Amino acid sequence: MLHHYSIVIHPQDSIIDLFKFFKKKLYNIIGKYGSYNSTAHITILEFDATDEELIFIIEKLKRITLKEISFDAVFDKVICSESSKAIFILPNKIGDEIFKKLLTKIRKQIKEDGNKSNAHLTIGRKLKPEQLKKSEDIFHDIKFDFHCNKIALRRLNEDIRQFEIIQIFPFHGKSCKETTEQLFFEF
């Protein structure tokens, strides 16, 4: 059977909670909007797969995260876009470069024809022009300190039209500093 999946960068709980706060704040000002119920995440890739194909994808994700090193990034650039009818937050320049490399690496190893968007956190989608206008002043000073240390595999639950996490893949790689410290302190 074919199911719809997504692979995402899954933030720490503090970011998820802060995002819920901002989404609720937006809801209180503009009313119902797209992605209100969506949990904070950075989409890497969406795809359809059979149960057999998924087994191979899970093995690839395990291999990828075995060597991946966690990193810190700052999301501080709010975009209210009329063309995409969305409000989203972009990482700073350094974070953007790191995310580009990570997203490209995962996309190439899993599915070539996947999502090509840059890293961003979406607050609201499918916004009407008047909703965008009302929301511009709400998010002008947002800053998220984001520690990227895991990805998640999610499956779309057709009943509730939301993705649900089915497996988390923590990054297991060691930074040069950690490796050097281990050489000196592990006997």
C-alpha atoms as a PDB file:
ATOM      1  CA  MET A   1       0.000   0.000   0.000  1.00  0.00           C
ATOM      2  CA  LEU A   2       1.225   3.484  -0.868  1.00  0.00           C
ATOM      3  CA  HIS A   3       1.457   6.102   1.899  1.00  0.00           C
ATOM      4  CA  HIS A   4       2.497   9.758   1.895  1.00  0.00           C
ATOM      5  CA  TYR A   5       5.534  10.631   4.036  1.00  0.00           C
ATOM      6  CA  SER A   6       7.680  13.593   4.911  1.00  0.00           C
ATOM      7  CA  ILE A   7      11.174  13.874   6.295  1.00  0.00           C
ATOM      8  CA  VAL A   8      11.667  16.942   8.475  1.00  0.00           C
ATOM      9  CA  ILE A   9      14.163  18.549  10.771  1.00  0.00           C
ATOM     10  CA  HIS A  10      12.472  18.242  14.129  1.00  0.00           C
ATOM     11  CA  PRO A  11      13.252  21.078  16.567  1.00  0.00           C
ATOM     12  CA  GLN A  12      13.606  20.864  20.303  1.00  0.00           C
ATOM     13  CA  ASP A  13      10.483  21.134  22.472  1.00  0.00           C
ATOM     14  CA  SER A  14      11.159  24.771  23.436  1.00  0.00           C
ATOM     15  CA  ILE A  15      10.928  25.812  19.760  1.00  0.00           C
ATOM     16  CA  ILE A  16       7.767  23.755  19.266  1.00  0.00           C
ATOM     17  CA  ASP A  17       6.169  25.399  22.319  1.00  0.00           C
ATOM     18  CA  LEU A  18       7.223  28.907  21.271  1.00  0.00           C
ATOM     19  CA  PHE A  19       5.857  28.278  17.793  1.00  0.00           C
ATOM     20  CA  LYS A  20       2.513  27.176  19.235  1.00  0.00           C
ATOM     21  CA  PHE A  21       2.422  30.436  21.182  1.00  0.00           C
ATOM     22  CA  PHE A  22       2.969  32.528  18.018  1.00  0.00           C
ATOM     23  CA  LYS A  23       0.465  30.498  16.006  1.00  0.00           C
ATOM     24  CA  LYS A  24      -2.151  30.999  18.718  1.00  0.00           C
ATOM     25  CA  LYS A  25      -1.345  34.720  18.829  1.00  0.00           C
ATOM     26  CA  LEU A  26      -1.866  34.925  15.060  1.00  0.00           C
ATOM     27  CA  TYR A  27      -5.117  32.954  15.325  1.00  0.00           C
ATOM     28  CA  ASN A  28      -6.435  35.378  17.968  1.00  0.00           C
ATOM     29  CA  ILE A  29      -5.829  38.305  15.596  1.00  0.00           C
ATOM     30  CA  ILE A  30      -6.758  36.959  12.150  1.00  0.00           C
ATOM     31  CA  GLY A  31      -8.897  33.887  12.851  1.00  0.00           C
ATOM     32  CA  LYS A  32      -8.565  30.489  11.200  1.00  0.00           C
ATOM     33  CA  TYR A  33      -5.691  29.982   8.749  1.00  0.00           C
ATOM     34  CA  GLY A  34      -3.750  27.221   6.990  1.00  0.00           C
ATOM     35  CA  SER A  35      -1.153  25.278   8.998  1.00  0.00           C
ATOM     36  CA  TYR A  36      -2.516  26.454  12.359  1.00  0.00           C
ATOM     37  CA  ASN A  37      -2.381  22.880  13.690  1.00  0.00           C
ATOM     38  CA  SER A  38       0.993  22.065  12.147  1.00  0.00           C
ATOM     39  CA  THR A  39       3.880  21.523  14.572  1.00  0.00           C
ATOM     40  CA  ALA A  40       7.092  23.507  14.022  1.00  0.00           C
ATOM     41  CA  HIS A  41       9.421  21.719  11.588  1.00  0.00           C
ATOM     42  CA  ILE A  42      11.641  22.248   8.562  1.00  0.00           C
ATOM     43  CA  THR A  43      10.484  20.172   5.612  1.00  0.00           C
ATOM     44  CA  ILE A  44      13.269  18.337   3.842  1.00  0.00           C
ATOM     45  CA  LEU A  45      11.248  16.113   1.548  1.00  0.00           C
ATOM     46  CA  GLU A  46       7.768  14.723   0.911  1.00  0.00           C
ATOM     47  CA  PHE A  47       7.239  11.487  -1.000  1.00  0.00           C
ATOM     48  CA  ASP A  48       5.001   8.480  -1.537  1.00  0.00           C
ATOM     49  CA  ALA A  49       6.322   5.008  -0.728  1.00  0.00           C
ATOM     50  CA  THR A  50       5.193   1.449  -0.218  1.00  0.00           C
ATOM     51  CA  ASP A  51       5.987  -0.385   3.012  1.00  0.00           C
ATOM     52  CA  GLU A  52       8.849  -2.187   1.236  1.00  0.00           C
ATOM     53  CA  GLU A  53      10.339   1.068  -0.099  1.00  0.00           C
ATOM     54  CA  LEU A  54      10.063   2.622   3.340  1.00  0.00           C
ATOM     55  CA  ILE A  55      12.340  -0.064   4.833  1.00  0.00           C
ATOM     56  CA  PHE A  56      15.158   1.056   2.497  1.00  0.00           C
ATOM     57  CA  ILE A  57      14.504   4.742   3.182  1.00  0.00           C
ATOM     58  CA  ILE A  58      14.704   4.145   6.942  1.00  0.00           C
ATOM     59  CA  GLU A  59      18.059   2.386   6.500  1.00  0.00           C
ATOM     60  CA  LYS A  60      19.340   5.337   4.446  1.00  0.00           C
ATOM     61  CA  LEU A  61      18.218   7.793   7.136  1.00  0.00           C
ATOM     62  CA  LYS A  62      20.029   5.742   9.795  1.00  0.00           C
ATOM     63  CA  ARG A  63      23.243   5.864   7.734  1.00  0.00           C
ATOM     64  CA  ILE A  64      22.913   9.600   7.084  1.00  0.00           C
ATOM     65  CA  THR A  65      22.366  10.509  10.743  1.00  0.00           C
ATOM     66  CA  LEU A  66      25.110   8.189  11.962  1.00  0.00           C
ATOM     67  CA  LYS A  67      27.729  10.728  10.786  1.00  0.00           C
ATOM     68  CA  GLU A  68      25.714  13.960  10.934  1.00  0.00           C
ATOM     69  CA  ILE A  69      26.876  16.533  13.500  1.00  0.00           C
ATOM     70  CA  SER A  70      24.383  18.660  15.425  1.00  0.00           C
ATOM     71  CA  PHE A  71      24.641  22.441  15.072  1.00  0.00           C
ATOM     72  CA  ASP A  72      23.106  25.687  16.267  1.00  0.00           C
ATOM     73  CA  ALA A  73      21.314  28.139  14.005  1.00  0.00           C
ATOM     74  CA  VAL A  74      19.342  31.333  14.489  1.00  0.00           C
ATOM     75  CA  PHE A  75      16.035  31.970  12.738  1.00  0.00           C
ATOM     76  CA  ASP A  76      15.472  35.721  12.777  1.00  0.00           C
ATOM     77  CA  LYS A  77      14.145  36.924   9.416  1.00  0.00           C
ATOM     78  CA  VAL A  78      10.338  37.072   9.216  1.00  0.00           C
ATOM     79  CA  ILE A  79       8.781  37.085   5.748  1.00  0.00           C
ATOM     80  CA  CYS A  80       5.133  38.006   5.112  1.00  0.00           C
ATOM     81  CA  SER A  81       4.777  36.964   1.487  1.00  0.00           C
ATOM     82  CA  GLU A  82       1.780  37.936  -0.596  1.00  0.00           C
ATOM     83  CA  SER A  83       2.957  35.769  -3.496  1.00  0.00           C
ATOM     84  CA  SER A  84       3.098  32.588  -1.380  1.00  0.00           C
ATOM     85  CA  LYS A  85       0.278  33.770   0.931  1.00  0.00           C
ATOM     86  CA  ALA A  86       2.386  32.764   3.933  1.00  0.00           C
ATOM     87  CA  ILE A  87       4.334  33.949   6.956  1.00  0.00           C
ATOM     88  CA  PHE A  88       7.595  32.163   7.547  1.00  0.00           C
ATOM     89  CA  ILE A  89      10.920  32.647   9.300  1.00  0.00           C
ATOM     90  CA  LEU A  90      14.317  32.163   7.656  1.00  0.00           C
ATOM     91  CA  PRO A  91      17.629  31.318   9.300  1.00  0.00           C
ATOM     92  CA  ASN A  92      20.472  33.823   9.372  1.00  0.00           C
ATOM     93  CA  LYS A  93      23.152  33.573   6.666  1.00  0.00           C
ATOM     94  CA  ILE A  94      25.393  31.087   8.495  1.00  0.00           C
ATOM     95  CA  GLY A  95      22.470  28.831   9.403  1.00  0.00           C
ATOM     96  CA  ASP A  96      21.098  29.020   5.866  1.00  0.00           C
ATOM     97  CA  GLU A  97      24.377  27.702   4.419  1.00  0.00           C
ATOM     98  CA  ILE A  98      24.501  24.795   6.872  1.00  0.00           C
ATOM     99  CA  PHE A  99      20.854  23.895   6.249  1.00  0.00           C
ATOM    100  CA  LYS A 100      21.320  24.048   2.454  1.00  0.00           C
ATOM    101  CA  LYS A 101      24.107  21.460   2.643  1.00  0.00           C
ATOM    102  CA  LEU A 102      22.154  19.207   4.985  1.00  0.00           C
ATOM    103  CA  LEU A 103      18.892  19.373   3.020  1.00  0.00           C
ATOM    104  CA  THR A 104      20.670  18.778  -0.292  1.00  0.00           C
ATOM    105  CA  LYS A 105      22.555  15.782   1.118  1.00  0.00           C
ATOM    106  CA  ILE A 106      19.419  14.118   2.473  1.00  0.00           C
ATOM    107  CA  ARG A 107      17.337  14.861  -0.619  1.00  0.00           C
ATOM    108  CA  LYS A 108      19.968  13.385  -2.952  1.00  0.00           C
ATOM    109  CA  GLN A 109      20.276  10.204  -0.921  1.00  0.00           C
ATOM    110  CA  ILE A 110      16.544   9.613  -0.494  1.00  0.00           C
ATOM    111  CA  LYS A 111      14.751  10.906  -3.613  1.00  0.00           C
ATOM    112  CA  GLU A 112      16.220  13.020  -6.402  1.00  0.00           C
ATOM    113  CA  ASP A 113      12.986  14.710  -7.443  1.00  0.00           C
ATOM    114  CA  GLY A 114      12.027  16.115  -4.055  1.00  0.00           C
ATOM    115  CA  ASN A 115      11.322  19.492  -2.521  1.00  0.00           C
ATOM    116  CA  LYS A 116      13.855  22.173  -3.477  1.00  0.00           C
ATOM    117  CA  SER A 117      12.844  24.859  -0.963  1.00  0.00           C
ATOM    118  CA  ASN A 118      15.276  26.408   1.494  1.00  0.00           C
ATOM    119  CA  ALA A 119      15.071  25.902   5.246  1.00  0.00           C
ATOM    120  CA  HIS A 120      12.251  27.873   6.844  1.00  0.00           C
ATOM    121  CA  LEU A 121       9.734  27.642   9.663  1.00  0.00           C
ATOM    122  CA  THR A 122       6.177  28.343   8.518  1.00  0.00           C
ATOM    123  CA  ILE A 123       3.875  30.179  10.901  1.00  0.00           C
ATOM    124  CA  GLY A 124       0.869  30.457   8.578  1.00  0.00           C
ATOM    125  CA  ARG A 125      -0.144  29.443   5.055  1.00  0.00           C
ATOM    126  CA  LYS A 126      -3.077  30.155   2.758  1.00  0.00           C
ATOM    127  CA  LEU A 127      -3.476  33.640   4.191  1.00  0.00           C
ATOM    128  CA  LYS A 128      -5.728  36.207   2.586  1.00  0.00           C
ATOM    129  CA  PRO A 129      -4.211  39.641   1.833  1.00  0.00           C
ATOM    130  CA  GLU A 130      -6.086  41.256   4.749  1.00  0.00           C
ATOM    131  CA  GLN A 131      -4.822  38.524   7.109  1.00  0.00           C
ATOM    132  CA  LEU A 132      -1.247  39.121   5.955  1.00  0.00           C
ATOM    133  CA  LYS A 133      -1.633  42.853   6.502  1.00  0.00           C
ATOM    134  CA  LYS A 134      -2.933  42.374  10.056  1.00  0.00           C
ATOM    135  CA  SER A 135      -0.105  39.985  10.911  1.00  0.00           C
ATOM    136  CA  GLU A 136       2.861  42.070   9.681  1.00  0.00           C
ATOM    137  CA  ASP A 137       3.389  43.864  12.999  1.00  0.00           C
ATOM    138  CA  ILE A 138       3.041  40.781  15.186  1.00  0.00           C
ATOM    139  CA  PHE A 139       6.239  39.015  14.187  1.00  0.00           C
ATOM    140  CA  HIS A 140       8.745  41.789  13.537  1.00  0.00           C
ATOM    141  CA  ASP A 141      11.143  40.851  16.360  1.00  0.00           C
ATOM    142  CA  ILE A 142      11.035  37.048  16.416  1.00  0.00           C
ATOM    143  CA  LYS A 143      14.253  35.159  17.059  1.00  0.00           C
ATOM    144  CA  PHE A 144      14.520  31.401  17.457  1.00  0.00           C
ATOM    145  CA  ASP A 145      17.759  29.841  18.702  1.00  0.00           C
ATOM    146  CA  PHE A 146      17.502  26.490  17.015  1.00  0.00           C
ATOM    147  CA  HIS A 147      19.636  23.455  17.929  1.00  0.00           C
ATOM    148  CA  CYS A 148      19.458  21.034  15.016  1.00  0.00           C
ATOM    149  CA  ASN A 149      20.206  17.520  16.231  1.00  0.00           C
ATOM    150  CA  LYS A 150      17.629  15.196  14.680  1.00  0.00           C
ATOM    151  CA  ILE A 151      15.341  14.489  11.772  1.00  0.00           C
ATOM    152  CA  ALA A 152      11.953  12.821  11.843  1.00  0.00           C
ATOM    153  CA  LEU A 153      10.093  10.569   9.453  1.00  0.00           C
ATOM    154  CA  ARG A 154       6.372  11.348   9.402  1.00  0.00           C
ATOM    155  CA  ARG A 155       3.373   9.674   7.758  1.00  0.00           C
ATOM    156  CA  LEU A 156       0.268  11.562   6.687  1.00  0.00           C
ATOM    157  CA  ASN A 157      -2.772  10.575   8.724  1.00  0.00           C
ATOM    158  CA  GLU A 158      -5.565  10.911   6.166  1.00  0.00           C
ATOM    159  CA  ASP A 159      -8.254  11.076   8.860  1.00  0.00           C
ATOM    160  CA  ILE A 160      -6.923  14.263  10.463  1.00  0.00           C
ATOM    161  CA  ARG A 161      -4.950  15.560   7.420  1.00  0.00           C
ATOM    162  CA  GLN A 162      -1.807  15.983   9.562  1.00  0.00           C
ATOM    163  CA  PHE A 163       1.580  14.296   9.524  1.00  0.00           C
ATOM    164  CA  GLU A 164       2.434  12.115  12.514  1.00  0.00           C
ATOM    165  CA  ILE A 165       5.969  11.188  13.536  1.00  0.00           C
ATOM    166  CA  ILE A 166       6.703   7.509  13.097  1.00  0.00           C
ATOM    167  CA  GLN A 167      10.457   7.565  13.784  1.00  0.00           C
ATOM    168  CA  ILE A 168      13.122  10.000  15.062  1.00  0.00           C
ATOM    169  CA  PHE A 169      16.736   9.865  13.829  1.00  0.00           C
ATOM    170  CA  PRO A 170      19.174  11.680  16.158  1.00  0.00           C
ATOM    171  CA  PHE A 171      22.486  12.909  14.779  1.00  0.00           C
ATOM    172  CA  HIS A 172      25.309  10.702  16.060  1.00  0.00           C
ATOM    173  CA  GLY A 173      28.324  12.445  14.504  1.00  0.00           C
ATOM    174  CA  LYS A 174      31.055  13.953  16.644  1.00  0.00           C
ATOM    175  CA  SER A 175      32.568  17.381  16.129  1.00  0.00           C
ATOM    176  CA  CYS A 176      36.353  17.664  15.800  1.00  0.00           C
ATOM    177  CA  LYS A 177      36.501  19.074  19.343  1.00  0.00           C
ATOM    178  CA  GLU A 178      34.590  16.128  20.806  1.00  0.00           C
ATOM    179  CA  THR A 179      36.762  13.625  18.944  1.00  0.00           C
ATOM    180  CA  THR A 180      39.962  15.303  20.185  1.00  0.00           C
ATOM    181  CA  GLU A 181      38.687  15.333  23.767  1.00  0.00           C
ATOM    182  CA  GLN A 182      37.852  11.642  23.528  1.00  0.00           C
ATOM    183  CA  LEU A 183      41.399  10.845  22.366  1.00  0.00           C
ATOM    184  CA  PHE A 184      42.848  12.458  25.458  1.00  0.00           C
ATOM    185  CA  PHE A 185      40.300  11.415  28.058  1.00  0.00           C
ATOM    186  CA  GLU A 186      39.221   7.915  27.025  1.00  0.00           C
ATOM    187  CA  PHE A 187      41.718   5.190  27.893  1.00  0.00           C
END
